[in-house]
Amino acid sequence: ENRTYVWNKQDLLSVNVDTTDQLLGLFEPSHCVYNLDR
């Protein structure tokens, strides 16, 4: 089984879903930033 962990946008968009069974993405220490701040 392939579990994939990512923590930024570039790695998320690069995830190969064909070879990924479970995906964990944590993009901030706390909440994700507001879109206006992004």
Full PDB file with SEQRES, HELIX, SHEET, SSBOND, CRYST1, ORIGX, SCALE, CONECT and MASTER records, all heavy atoms in Angstrom:
SEQRES   1 A   38  GLU ASN ARG THR TYR VAL TRP ASN LYS GLN ASP LEU LEU          
SEQRES   2 A   38  SER VAL ASN VAL ASP THR THR ASP GLN LEU LEU GLY LEU          
SEQRES   3 A   38  PHE GLU PRO SER HIS CYS VAL TYR ASN LEU ASP ARG              
HELIX    1 AA1 LYS A    9  SER A   14  1                                   6    
HELIX    2 AA2 VAL A   17  THR A   19  5                                   3    
SHEET    1 AA1 2 ARG A   3  VAL A   6  0                                        
SHEET    2 AA1 2 GLN A  22  GLY A  25  1                                        
CRYST1    1.000    1.000    1.000  90.00  90.00  90.00 P 1           1          
ORIGX1      1.000000  0.000000  0.000000        0.00000                         
ORIGX2      0.000000  1.000000  0.000000        0.00000                         
ORIGX3      0.000000  0.000000  1.000000        0.00000                         
SCALE1      1.000000  0.000000  0.000000        0.00000                         
SCALE2      0.000000  1.000000  0.000000        0.00000                         
SCALE3      0.000000  0.000000  1.000000        0.00000                         
ATOM      1  N   GLU A   1       0.839  -1.196   0.000  1.00  0.00           N  
ATOM      2  CA  GLU A   1       0.000   0.000   0.000  1.00  0.00           C  
ATOM      3  C   GLU A   1       0.876   1.249   0.000  1.00  0.00           C  
ATOM      4  O   GLU A   1       1.873   1.319   0.714  1.00  0.00           O  
ATOM      5  CB  GLU A   1      -0.899   0.005   1.235  1.00  0.00           C  
ATOM      6  CG  GLU A   1      -1.825   1.221   1.316  1.00  0.00           C  
ATOM      7  CD  GLU A   1      -2.612   1.274   2.619  1.00  0.00           C  
ATOM      8  OE1 GLU A   1      -2.035   0.947   3.684  1.00  0.00           O  
ATOM      9  OE2 GLU A   1      -3.782   1.654   2.568  1.00  0.00           O  
ATOM     10  N   ASN A   2       0.484   2.248  -0.786  1.00  0.00           N  
ATOM     11  CA  ASN A   2       1.243   3.493  -0.864  1.00  0.00           C  
ATOM     12  C   ASN A   2       0.484   4.609  -0.165  1.00  0.00           C  
ATOM     13  O   ASN A   2      -0.584   5.019  -0.611  1.00  0.00           O  
ATOM     14  CB  ASN A   2       1.499   3.874  -2.321  1.00  0.00           C  
ATOM     15  CG  ASN A   2       2.234   5.204  -2.439  1.00  0.00           C  
ATOM     16  OD1 ASN A   2       2.890   5.660  -1.505  1.00  0.00           O  
ATOM     17  ND2 ASN A   2       2.123   5.832  -3.588  1.00  0.00           N  
ATOM     18  N   ARG A   3       1.042   5.070   0.954  1.00  0.00           N  
ATOM     19  CA  ARG A   3       0.500   6.238   1.634  1.00  0.00           C  
ATOM     20  C   ARG A   3       1.397   7.421   1.324  1.00  0.00           C  
ATOM     21  O   ARG A   3       2.618   7.332   1.457  1.00  0.00           O  
ATOM     22  CB  ARG A   3       0.435   6.009   3.140  1.00  0.00           C  
ATOM     23  CG  ARG A   3      -0.632   5.016   3.577  1.00  0.00           C  
ATOM     24  CD  ARG A   3      -0.819   5.020   5.079  1.00  0.00           C  
ATOM     25  NE  ARG A   3      -1.985   4.235   5.456  1.00  0.00           N  
ATOM     26  CZ  ARG A   3      -2.695   4.437   6.560  1.00  0.00           C  
ATOM     27  NH1 ARG A   3      -2.352   5.416   7.397  1.00  0.00           N  
ATOM     28  NH2 ARG A   3      -3.726   3.683   6.842  1.00  0.00           N  
ATOM     29  N   THR A   4       0.792   8.543   0.931  1.00  0.00           N  
ATOM     30  CA  THR A   4       1.558   9.729   0.540  1.00  0.00           C  
ATOM     31  C   THR A   4       1.208  10.898   1.444  1.00  0.00           C  
ATOM     32  O   THR A   4       0.034  11.183   1.677  1.00  0.00           O  
ATOM     33  CB  THR A   4       1.255  10.107  -0.930  1.00  0.00           C  
ATOM     34  OG1 THR A   4       1.615   9.020  -1.780  1.00  0.00           O  
ATOM     35  CG2 THR A   4       2.041  11.345  -1.335  1.00  0.00           C  
ATOM     36  N   TYR A   5       2.252  11.577   1.934  1.00  0.00           N  
ATOM     37  CA  TYR A   5       2.064  12.784   2.752  1.00  0.00           C  
ATOM     38  C   TYR A   5       2.658  13.978   2.020  1.00  0.00           C  
ATOM     39  O   TYR A   5       3.778  13.918   1.501  1.00  0.00           O  
ATOM     40  CB  TYR A   5       2.748  12.623   4.117  1.00  0.00           C  
ATOM     41  CG  TYR A   5       2.849  13.935   4.874  1.00  0.00           C  
ATOM     42  CD1 TYR A   5       1.709  14.571   5.353  1.00  0.00           C  
ATOM     43  CD2 TYR A   5       4.093  14.548   5.100  1.00  0.00           C  
ATOM     44  CE1 TYR A   5       1.800  15.784   6.033  1.00  0.00           C  
ATOM     45  CE2 TYR A   5       4.187  15.751   5.788  1.00  0.00           C  
ATOM     46  CZ  TYR A   5       3.037  16.365   6.252  1.00  0.00           C  
ATOM     47  OH  TYR A   5       3.120  17.561   6.910  1.00  0.00           O  
ATOM     48  N   VAL A   6       1.900  15.080   1.964  1.00  0.00           N  
ATOM     49  CA  VAL A   6       2.379  16.315   1.340  1.00  0.00           C  
ATOM     50  C   VAL A   6       2.074  17.483   2.275  1.00  0.00           C  
ATOM     51  O   VAL A   6       1.161  17.414   3.098  1.00  0.00           O  
ATOM     52  CB  VAL A   6       1.713  16.565  -0.035  1.00  0.00           C  
ATOM     53  CG1 VAL A   6       2.093  15.477  -1.028  1.00  0.00           C  
ATOM     54  CG2 VAL A   6       0.188  16.640   0.094  1.00  0.00           C  
ATOM     55  N   TRP A   7       2.856  18.575   2.143  1.00  0.00           N  
ATOM     56  CA  TRP A   7       2.610  19.741   2.999  1.00  0.00           C  
ATOM     57  C   TRP A   7       2.609  21.054   2.222  1.00  0.00           C  
ATOM     58  O   TRP A   7       2.501  22.121   2.809  1.00  0.00           O  
ATOM     59  CB  TRP A   7       3.634  19.816   4.130  1.00  0.00           C  
ATOM     60  CG  TRP A   7       5.063  19.993   3.682  1.00  0.00           C  
ATOM     61  CD1 TRP A   7       5.955  19.012   3.380  1.00  0.00           C  
ATOM     62  CD2 TRP A   7       5.739  21.241   3.459  1.00  0.00           C  
ATOM     63  NE1 TRP A   7       7.160  19.565   2.996  1.00  0.00           N  
ATOM     64  CE2 TRP A   7       7.051  20.928   3.039  1.00  0.00           C  
ATOM     65  CE3 TRP A   7       5.373  22.585   3.586  1.00  0.00           C  
ATOM     66  CZ2 TRP A   7       7.996  21.914   2.733  1.00  0.00           C  
ATOM     67  CZ3 TRP A   7       6.298  23.559   3.288  1.00  0.00           C  
ATOM     68  CH2 TRP A   7       7.597  23.237   2.869  1.00  0.00           C  
ATOM     69  N   ASN A   8       2.681  20.999   0.893  1.00  0.00           N  
ATOM     70  CA  ASN A   8       2.598  22.228   0.110  1.00  0.00           C  
ATOM     71  C   ASN A   8       1.865  21.974  -1.206  1.00  0.00           C  
ATOM     72  O   ASN A   8       1.625  20.824  -1.596  1.00  0.00           O  
ATOM     73  CB  ASN A   8       3.995  22.817  -0.144  1.00  0.00           C  
ATOM     74  CG  ASN A   8       4.900  21.852  -0.897  1.00  0.00           C  
ATOM     75  OD1 ASN A   8       4.586  21.428  -2.003  1.00  0.00           O  
ATOM     76  ND2 ASN A   8       6.033  21.492  -0.300  1.00  0.00           N  
ATOM     77  N   LYS A   9       1.521  23.053  -1.860  1.00  0.00           N  
ATOM     78  CA  LYS A   9       0.713  22.978  -3.080  1.00  0.00           C  
ATOM     79  C   LYS A   9       1.418  22.212  -4.185  1.00  0.00           C  
ATOM     80  O   LYS A   9       0.797  21.379  -4.870  1.00  0.00           O  
ATOM     81  CB  LYS A   9       0.393  24.402  -3.554  1.00  0.00           C  
ATOM     82  CG  LYS A   9      -0.299  24.476  -4.906  1.00  0.00           C  
ATOM     83  CD  LYS A   9      -0.618  25.916  -5.268  1.00  0.00           C  
ATOM     84  CE  LYS A   9      -1.246  26.020  -6.658  1.00  0.00           C  
ATOM     85  NZ  LYS A   9      -1.661  27.404  -6.959  1.00  0.00           N  
ATOM     86  N   GLN A  10       2.696  22.475  -4.387  1.00  0.00           N  
ATOM     87  CA  GLN A  10       3.419  21.836  -5.481  1.00  0.00           C  
ATOM     88  C   GLN A  10       3.417  20.322  -5.331  1.00  0.00           C  
ATOM     89  O   GLN A  10       3.177  19.588  -6.308  1.00  0.00           O  
ATOM     90  CB  GLN A  10       4.859  22.369  -5.532  1.00  0.00           C  
ATOM     91  CG  GLN A  10       4.995  23.822  -5.979  1.00  0.00           C  
ATOM     92  CD  GLN A  10       4.507  24.828  -4.940  1.00  0.00           C  
ATOM     93  OE1 GLN A  10       4.518  24.555  -3.729  1.00  0.00           O  
ATOM     94  NE2 GLN A  10       4.058  25.991  -5.400  1.00  0.00           N  
ATOM     95  N   ASP A  11       3.664  19.843  -4.119  1.00  0.00           N  
ATOM     96  CA  ASP A  11       3.666  18.399  -3.892  1.00  0.00           C  
ATOM     97  C   ASP A  11       2.266  17.807  -4.047  1.00  0.00           C  
ATOM     98  O   ASP A  11       2.108  16.688  -4.546  1.00  0.00           O  
ATOM     99  CB  ASP A  11       4.220  18.081  -2.502  1.00  0.00           C  
ATOM    100  CG  ASP A  11       5.722  18.316  -2.413  1.00  0.00           C  
ATOM    101  OD1 ASP A  11       6.360  18.488  -3.471  1.00  0.00           O  
ATOM    102  OD2 ASP A  11       6.245  18.347  -1.287  1.00  0.00           O  
ATOM    103  N   LEU A  12       1.249  18.554  -3.614  1.00  0.00           N  
ATOM    104  CA  LEU A  12      -0.123  18.064  -3.777  1.00  0.00           C  
ATOM    105  C   LEU A  12      -0.461  17.875  -5.249  1.00  0.00           C  
ATOM    106  O   LEU A  12      -0.984  16.827  -5.646  1.00  0.00           O  
ATOM    107  CB  LEU A  12      -1.109  19.048  -3.143  1.00  0.00           C  
ATOM    108  CG  LEU A  12      -2.597  18.722  -3.375  1.00  0.00           C  
ATOM    109  CD1 LEU A  12      -2.996  17.460  -2.618  1.00  0.00           C  
ATOM    110  CD2 LEU A  12      -3.480  19.900  -2.961  1.00  0.00           C  
ATOM    111  N   LEU A  13      -0.175  18.885  -6.053  1.00  0.00           N  
ATOM    112  CA  LEU A  13      -0.518  18.805  -7.468  1.00  0.00           C  
ATOM    113  C   LEU A  13       0.305  17.750  -8.191  1.00  0.00           C  
ATOM    114  O   LEU A  13      -0.097  17.273  -9.264  1.00  0.00           O  
ATOM    115  CB  LEU A  13      -0.325  20.177  -8.131  1.00  0.00           C  
ATOM    116  CG  LEU A  13      -1.184  21.324  -7.561  1.00  0.00           C  
ATOM    117  CD1 LEU A  13      -0.962  22.596  -8.358  1.00  0.00           C  
ATOM    118  CD2 LEU A  13      -2.661  20.952  -7.542  1.00  0.00           C  
ATOM    119  N   SER A  14       1.439  17.372  -7.607  1.00  0.00           N  
ATOM    120  CA  SER A  14       2.299  16.368  -8.245  1.00  0.00           C  
ATOM    121  C   SER A  14       1.950  14.938  -7.847  1.00  0.00           C  
ATOM    122  O   SER A  14       2.537  13.992  -8.390  1.00  0.00           O  
ATOM    123  CB  SER A  14       3.767  16.637  -7.884  1.00  0.00           C  
ATOM    124  OG  SER A  14       4.182  17.914  -8.343  1.00  0.00           O  
ATOM    125  N   VAL A  15       1.021  14.771  -6.934  1.00  0.00           N  
ATOM    126  CA  VAL A  15       0.664  13.428  -6.474  1.00  0.00           C  
ATOM    127  C   VAL A  15       0.115  12.601  -7.630  1.00  0.00           C  
ATOM    128  O   VAL A  15      -0.784  13.031  -8.353  1.00  0.00           O  
ATOM    129  CB  VAL A  15      -0.381  13.493  -5.343  1.00  0.00           C  
ATOM    130  CG1 VAL A  15      -0.975  12.110  -5.060  1.00  0.00           C  
ATOM    131  CG2 VAL A  15       0.243  14.059  -4.083  1.00  0.00           C  
ATOM    132  N   ASN A  16       0.669  11.422  -7.805  1.00  0.00           N  
ATOM    133  CA  ASN A  16       0.183  10.477  -8.820  1.00  0.00           C  
ATOM    134  C   ASN A  16      -0.937   9.655  -8.191  1.00  0.00           C  
ATOM    135  O   ASN A  16      -0.689   8.755  -7.384  1.00  0.00           O  
ATOM    136  CB  ASN A  16       1.328   9.573  -9.286  1.00  0.00           C  
ATOM    137  CG  ASN A  16       0.914   8.632 -10.415  1.00  0.00           C  
ATOM    138  OD1 ASN A  16      -0.269   8.367 -10.619  1.00  0.00           O  
ATOM    139  ND2 ASN A  16       1.892   8.131 -11.152  1.00  0.00           N  
ATOM    140  N   VAL A  17      -2.169   9.948  -8.561  1.00  0.00           N  
ATOM    141  CA  VAL A  17      -3.297   9.272  -7.927  1.00  0.00           C  
ATOM    142  C   VAL A  17      -3.352   7.794  -8.288  1.00  0.00           C  
ATOM    143  O   VAL A  17      -3.908   6.983  -7.533  1.00  0.00           O  
ATOM    144  CB  VAL A  17      -4.626   9.964  -8.303  1.00  0.00           C  
ATOM    145  CG1 VAL A  17      -4.645  11.398  -7.779  1.00  0.00           C  
ATOM    146  CG2 VAL A  17      -4.868   9.944  -9.794  1.00  0.00           C  
ATOM    147  N   ASP A  18      -2.777   7.418  -9.441  1.00  0.00           N  
ATOM    148  CA  ASP A  18      -2.812   6.013  -9.849  1.00  0.00           C  
ATOM    149  C   ASP A  18      -2.002   5.131  -8.901  1.00  0.00           C  
ATOM    150  O   ASP A  18      -2.298   3.947  -8.742  1.00  0.00           O  
ATOM    151  CB  ASP A  18      -2.279   5.868 -11.280  1.00  0.00           C  
ATOM    152  CG  ASP A  18      -3.184   6.521 -12.307  1.00  0.00           C  
ATOM    153  OD1 ASP A  18      -4.404   6.575 -12.052  1.00  0.00           O  
ATOM    154  OD2 ASP A  18      -2.676   6.987 -13.345  1.00  0.00           O  
ATOM    155  N   THR A  19      -0.988   5.715  -8.279  1.00  0.00           N  
ATOM    156  CA  THR A  19      -0.121   4.928  -7.394  1.00  0.00           C  
ATOM    157  C   THR A  19      -0.300   5.313  -5.927  1.00  0.00           C  
ATOM    158  O   THR A  19       0.458   4.860  -5.073  1.00  0.00           O  
ATOM    159  CB  THR A  19       1.355   5.121  -7.787  1.00  0.00           C  
ATOM    160  OG1 THR A  19       1.699   6.506  -7.691  1.00  0.00           O  
ATOM    161  CG2 THR A  19       1.595   4.641  -9.219  1.00  0.00           C  
ATOM    162  N   THR A  20      -1.294   6.146  -5.631  1.00  0.00           N  
ATOM    163  CA  THR A  20      -1.530   6.600  -4.263  1.00  0.00           C  
ATOM    164  C   THR A  20      -2.799   5.961  -3.719  1.00  0.00           C  
ATOM    165  O   THR A  20      -3.885   6.145  -4.275  1.00  0.00           O  
ATOM    166  CB  THR A  20      -1.658   8.132  -4.207  1.00  0.00           C  
ATOM    167  OG1 THR A  20      -0.441   8.723  -4.665  1.00  0.00           O  
ATOM    168  CG2 THR A  20      -1.937   8.603  -2.790  1.00  0.00           C  
ATOM    169  N   ASP A  21      -2.655   5.221  -2.630  1.00  0.00           N  
ATOM    170  CA  ASP A  21      -3.806   4.568  -2.011  1.00  0.00           C  
ATOM    171  C   ASP A  21      -4.451   5.450  -0.942  1.00  0.00           C  
ATOM    172  O   ASP A  21      -5.670   5.474  -0.808  1.00  0.00           O  
ATOM    173  CB  ASP A  21      -3.372   3.237  -1.397  1.00  0.00           C  
ATOM    174  CG  ASP A  21      -2.849   2.271  -2.444  1.00  0.00           C  
ATOM    175  OD1 ASP A  21      -3.587   1.980  -3.402  1.00  0.00           O  
ATOM    176  OD2 ASP A  21      -1.686   1.827  -2.308  1.00  0.00           O  
ATOM    177  N   GLN A  22      -3.630   6.138  -0.163  1.00  0.00           N  
ATOM    178  CA  GLN A  22      -4.141   7.069   0.836  1.00  0.00           C  
ATOM    179  C   GLN A  22      -3.291   8.330   0.824  1.00  0.00           C  
ATOM    180  O   GLN A  22      -2.069   8.266   0.658  1.00  0.00           O  
ATOM    181  CB  GLN A  22      -4.148   6.440   2.238  1.00  0.00           C  
ATOM    182  CG  GLN A  22      -5.213   5.363   2.397  1.00  0.00           C  
ATOM    183  CD  GLN A  22      -5.318   4.830   3.817  1.00  0.00           C  
ATOM    184  OE1 GLN A  22      -4.983   3.688   4.091  1.00  0.00           O  
ATOM    185  NE2 GLN A  22      -5.819   5.655   4.719  1.00  0.00           N  
ATOM    186  N   LEU A  23      -3.977   9.478   0.992  1.00  0.00           N  
ATOM    187  CA  LEU A  23      -3.298  10.770   0.853  1.00  0.00           C  
ATOM    188  C   LEU A  23      -3.572  11.633   2.078  1.00  0.00           C  
ATOM    189  O   LEU A  23      -4.721  11.857   2.464  1.00  0.00           O  
ATOM    190  CB  LEU A  23      -3.798  11.482  -0.408  1.00  0.00           C  
ATOM    191  CG  LEU A  23      -3.296  12.906  -0.646  1.00  0.00           C  
ATOM    192  CD1 LEU A  23      -1.777  12.941  -0.817  1.00  0.00           C  
ATOM    193  CD2 LEU A  23      -3.992  13.509  -1.882  1.00  0.00           C  
ATOM    194  N   LEU A  24      -2.501  12.125   2.694  1.00  0.00           N  
ATOM    195  CA  LEU A  24      -2.586  13.066   3.805  1.00  0.00           C  
ATOM    196  C   LEU A  24      -1.869  14.346   3.413  1.00  0.00           C  
ATOM    197  O   LEU A  24      -0.700  14.323   3.033  1.00  0.00           O  
ATOM    198  CB  LEU A  24      -1.923  12.475   5.057  1.00  0.00           C  
ATOM    199  CG  LEU A  24      -1.749  13.413   6.268  1.00  0.00           C  
ATOM    200  CD1 LEU A  24      -3.095  13.880   6.808  1.00  0.00           C  
ATOM    201  CD2 LEU A  24      -0.938  12.722   7.371  1.00  0.00           C  
ATOM    202  N   GLY A  25      -2.571  15.468   3.473  1.00  0.00           N  
ATOM    203  CA  GLY A  25      -1.969  16.764   3.178  1.00  0.00           C  
ATOM    204  C   GLY A  25      -2.248  17.745   4.299  1.00  0.00           C  
ATOM    205  O   GLY A  25      -3.416  18.008   4.609  1.00  0.00           O  
ATOM    206  N   LEU A  26      -1.197  18.259   4.919  1.00  0.00           N  
ATOM    207  CA  LEU A  26      -1.326  19.242   6.001  1.00  0.00           C  
ATOM    208  C   LEU A  26      -0.528  20.475   5.590  1.00  0.00           C  
ATOM    209  O   LEU A  26       0.696  20.464   5.614  1.00  0.00           O  
ATOM    210  CB  LEU A  26      -0.801  18.668   7.316  1.00  0.00           C  
ATOM    211  CG  LEU A  26      -1.501  17.390   7.814  1.00  0.00           C  
ATOM    212  CD1 LEU A  26      -0.812  16.840   9.058  1.00  0.00           C  
ATOM    213  CD2 LEU A  26      -2.977  17.653   8.096  1.00  0.00           C  
ATOM    214  N   PHE A  27      -1.228  21.548   5.222  1.00  0.00           N  
ATOM    215  CA  PHE A  27      -0.598  22.657   4.523  1.00  0.00           C  
ATOM    216  C   PHE A  27      -0.233  23.843   5.407  1.00  0.00           C  
ATOM    217  O   PHE A  27       0.341  24.813   4.928  1.00  0.00           O  
ATOM    218  CB  PHE A  27      -1.505  23.101   3.376  1.00  0.00           C  
ATOM    219  CG  PHE A  27      -1.851  21.965   2.447  1.00  0.00           C  
ATOM    220  CD1 PHE A  27      -3.112  21.396   2.451  1.00  0.00           C  
ATOM    221  CD2 PHE A  27      -0.881  21.440   1.603  1.00  0.00           C  
ATOM    222  CE1 PHE A  27      -3.421  20.333   1.612  1.00  0.00           C  
ATOM    223  CE2 PHE A  27      -1.172  20.376   0.769  1.00  0.00           C  
ATOM    224  CZ  PHE A  27      -2.448  19.814   0.770  1.00  0.00           C  
ATOM    225  N   GLU A  28      -0.570  23.779   6.688  1.00  0.00           N  
ATOM    226  CA  GLU A  28      -0.230  24.846   7.626  1.00  0.00           C  
ATOM    227  C   GLU A  28      -0.070  24.253   9.016  1.00  0.00           C  
ATOM    228  O   GLU A  28      -0.687  23.229   9.338  1.00  0.00           O  
ATOM    229  CB  GLU A  28      -1.324  25.924   7.661  1.00  0.00           C  
ATOM    230  CG  GLU A  28      -1.239  26.955   6.557  1.00  0.00           C  
ATOM    231  CD  GLU A  28      -0.040  27.877   6.692  1.00  0.00           C  
ATOM    232  OE1 GLU A  28       0.245  28.352   7.812  1.00  0.00           O  
ATOM    233  OE2 GLU A  28       0.611  28.130   5.677  1.00  0.00           O  
ATOM    234  N   PRO A  29       0.717  24.901   9.895  1.00  0.00           N  
ATOM    235  CA  PRO A  29       0.764  24.444  11.286  1.00  0.00           C  
ATOM    236  C   PRO A  29      -0.620  24.506  11.945  1.00  0.00           C  
ATOM    237  O   PRO A  29      -0.992  23.620  12.695  1.00  0.00           O  
ATOM    238  CB  PRO A  29       1.732  25.420  11.945  1.00  0.00           C  
ATOM    239  CG  PRO A  29       2.583  25.923  10.824  1.00  0.00           C  
ATOM    240  CD  PRO A  29       1.674  25.990   9.637  1.00  0.00           C  
ATOM    241  N   SER A  30      -1.371  25.572  11.654  1.00  0.00           N  
ATOM    242  CA  SER A  30      -2.726  25.711  12.176  1.00  0.00           C  
ATOM    243  C   SER A  30      -3.706  25.664  11.002  1.00  0.00           C  
ATOM    244  O   SER A  30      -3.625  24.777  10.169  1.00  0.00           O  
ATOM    245  CB  SER A  30      -2.865  27.003  12.976  1.00  0.00           C  
ATOM    246  OG  SER A  30      -4.147  27.093  13.566  1.00  0.00           O  
ATOM    247  N   HIS A  31      -4.623  26.621  10.929  1.00  0.00           N  
ATOM    248  CA  HIS A  31      -5.590  26.638   9.834  1.00  0.00           C  
ATOM    249  C   HIS A  31      -4.915  27.041   8.525  1.00  0.00           C  
ATOM    250  O   HIS A  31      -3.879  27.723   8.521  1.00  0.00           O  
ATOM    251  CB  HIS A  31      -6.715  27.632  10.139  1.00  0.00           C  
ATOM    252  CG  HIS A  31      -7.436  27.362  11.421  1.00  0.00           C  
ATOM    253  ND1 HIS A  31      -8.069  26.172  11.690  1.00  0.00           N  
ATOM    254  CD2 HIS A  31      -7.615  28.141  12.533  1.00  0.00           C  
ATOM    255  CE1 HIS A  31      -8.626  26.228  12.893  1.00  0.00           C  
ATOM    256  NE2 HIS A  31      -8.355  27.418  13.425  1.00  0.00           N  
ATOM    257  N   CYS A  32      -5.506  26.634   7.412  1.00  0.00           N  
ATOM    258  CA  CYS A  32      -5.039  27.129   6.113  1.00  0.00           C  
ATOM    259  C   CYS A  32      -5.234  28.648   6.076  1.00  0.00           C  
ATOM    260  O   CYS A  32      -6.122  29.191   6.747  1.00  0.00           O  
ATOM    261  CB  CYS A  32      -5.823  26.476   4.977  1.00  0.00           C  
ATOM    262  SG  CYS A  32      -5.560  24.697   4.817  1.00  0.00           S  
ATOM    263  N   VAL A  33      -4.423  29.322   5.301  1.00  0.00           N  
ATOM    264  CA  VAL A  33      -4.512  30.788   5.254  1.00  0.00           C  
ATOM    265  C   VAL A  33      -5.786  31.224   4.542  1.00  0.00           C  
ATOM    266  O   VAL A  33      -6.354  30.479   3.737  1.00  0.00           O  
ATOM    267  CB  VAL A  33      -3.285  31.402   4.544  1.00  0.00           C  
ATOM    268  CG1 VAL A  33      -2.002  31.046   5.250  1.00  0.00           C  
ATOM    269  CG2 VAL A  33      -3.232  30.967   3.076  1.00  0.00           C  
ATOM    270  N   TYR A  34      -6.230  32.431   4.851  1.00  0.00           N  
ATOM    271  CA  TYR A  34      -7.348  33.007   4.107  1.00  0.00           C  
ATOM    272  C   TYR A  34      -6.967  33.136   2.635  1.00  0.00           C  
ATOM    273  O   TYR A  34      -5.806  33.419   2.301  1.00  0.00           O  
ATOM    274  CB  TYR A  34      -7.697  34.392   4.646  1.00  0.00           C  
ATOM    275  CG  TYR A  34      -8.427  34.395   5.963  1.00  0.00           C  
ATOM    276  CD1 TYR A  34      -7.801  34.890   7.117  1.00  0.00           C  
ATOM    277  CD2 TYR A  34      -9.734  33.955   6.071  1.00  0.00           C  
ATOM    278  CE1 TYR A  34      -8.467  34.931   8.331  1.00  0.00           C  
ATOM    279  CE2 TYR A  34     -10.418  33.989   7.280  1.00  0.00           C  
ATOM    280  CZ  TYR A  34      -9.775  34.476   8.406  1.00  0.00           C  
ATOM    281  OH  TYR A  34     -10.434  34.510   9.603  1.00  0.00           O  
ATOM    282  N   ASN A  35      -7.953  32.968   1.756  1.00  0.00           N  
ATOM    283  CA  ASN A  35      -7.683  33.109   0.326  1.00  0.00           C  
ATOM    284  C   ASN A  35      -7.142  34.494  -0.010  1.00  0.00           C  
ATOM    285  O   ASN A  35      -6.244  34.631  -0.844  1.00  0.00           O  
ATOM    286  CB  ASN A  35      -8.955  32.831  -0.477  1.00  0.00           C  
ATOM    287  CG  ASN A  35      -8.752  33.036  -1.961  1.00  0.00           C  
ATOM    288  OD1 ASN A  35      -8.027  32.295  -2.610  1.00  0.00           O  
ATOM    289  ND2 ASN A  35      -9.380  34.067  -2.511  1.00  0.00           N  
ATOM    290  N   LEU A  36      -7.680  35.540   0.618  1.00  0.00           N  
ATOM    291  CA  LEU A  36      -7.192  36.889   0.342  1.00  0.00           C  
ATOM    292  C   LEU A  36      -5.724  37.026   0.718  1.00  0.00           C  
ATOM    293  O   LEU A  36      -4.955  37.704   0.025  1.00  0.00           O  
ATOM    294  CB  LEU A  36      -8.022  37.931   1.099  1.00  0.00           C  
ATOM    295  CG  LEU A  36      -9.398  38.266   0.515  1.00  0.00           C  
ATOM    296  CD1 LEU A  36     -10.130  39.257   1.409  1.00  0.00           C  
ATOM    297  CD2 LEU A  36      -9.286  38.810  -0.899  1.00  0.00           C  
ATOM    298  N   ASP A  37      -5.300  36.387   1.803  1.00  0.00           N  
ATOM    299  CA  ASP A  37      -3.880  36.412   2.168  1.00  0.00           C  
ATOM    300  C   ASP A  37      -3.053  35.597   1.184  1.00  0.00           C  
ATOM    301  O   ASP A  37      -1.925  35.975   0.839  1.00  0.00           O  
ATOM    302  CB  ASP A  37      -3.691  35.863   3.579  1.00  0.00           C  
ATOM    303  CG  ASP A  37      -4.208  36.817   4.651  1.00  0.00           C  
ATOM    304  OD1 ASP A  37      -4.424  37.997   4.329  1.00  0.00           O  
ATOM    305  OD2 ASP A  37      -4.385  36.370   5.801  1.00  0.00           O  
ATOM    306  N   ARG A  38      -3.600  34.475   0.752  1.00  0.00           N  
ATOM    307  CA  ARG A  38      -2.890  33.643  -0.229  1.00  0.00           C  
ATOM    308  C   ARG A  38      -2.606  34.440  -1.498  1.00  0.00           C  
ATOM    309  O   ARG A  38      -1.519  34.364  -2.068  1.00  0.00           O  
ATOM    310  CB  ARG A  38      -3.730  32.405  -0.573  1.00  0.00           C  
ATOM    311  CG  ARG A  38      -3.040  31.391  -1.480  1.00  0.00           C  
ATOM    312  CD  ARG A  38      -3.988  30.265  -1.862  1.00  0.00           C  
ATOM    313  NE  ARG A  38      -5.116  30.769  -2.621  1.00  0.00           N  
ATOM    314  CZ  ARG A  38      -5.076  31.046  -3.925  1.00  0.00           C  
ATOM    315  NH1 ARG A  38      -3.951  30.858  -4.603  1.00  0.00           N  
ATOM    316  NH2 ARG A  38      -6.130  31.496  -4.555  1.00  0.00           N  
TER     317      ARG A  38                                                      
MASTER        0    0    0    2    2    0    0    6  316    1    0    3          
END                                                                             
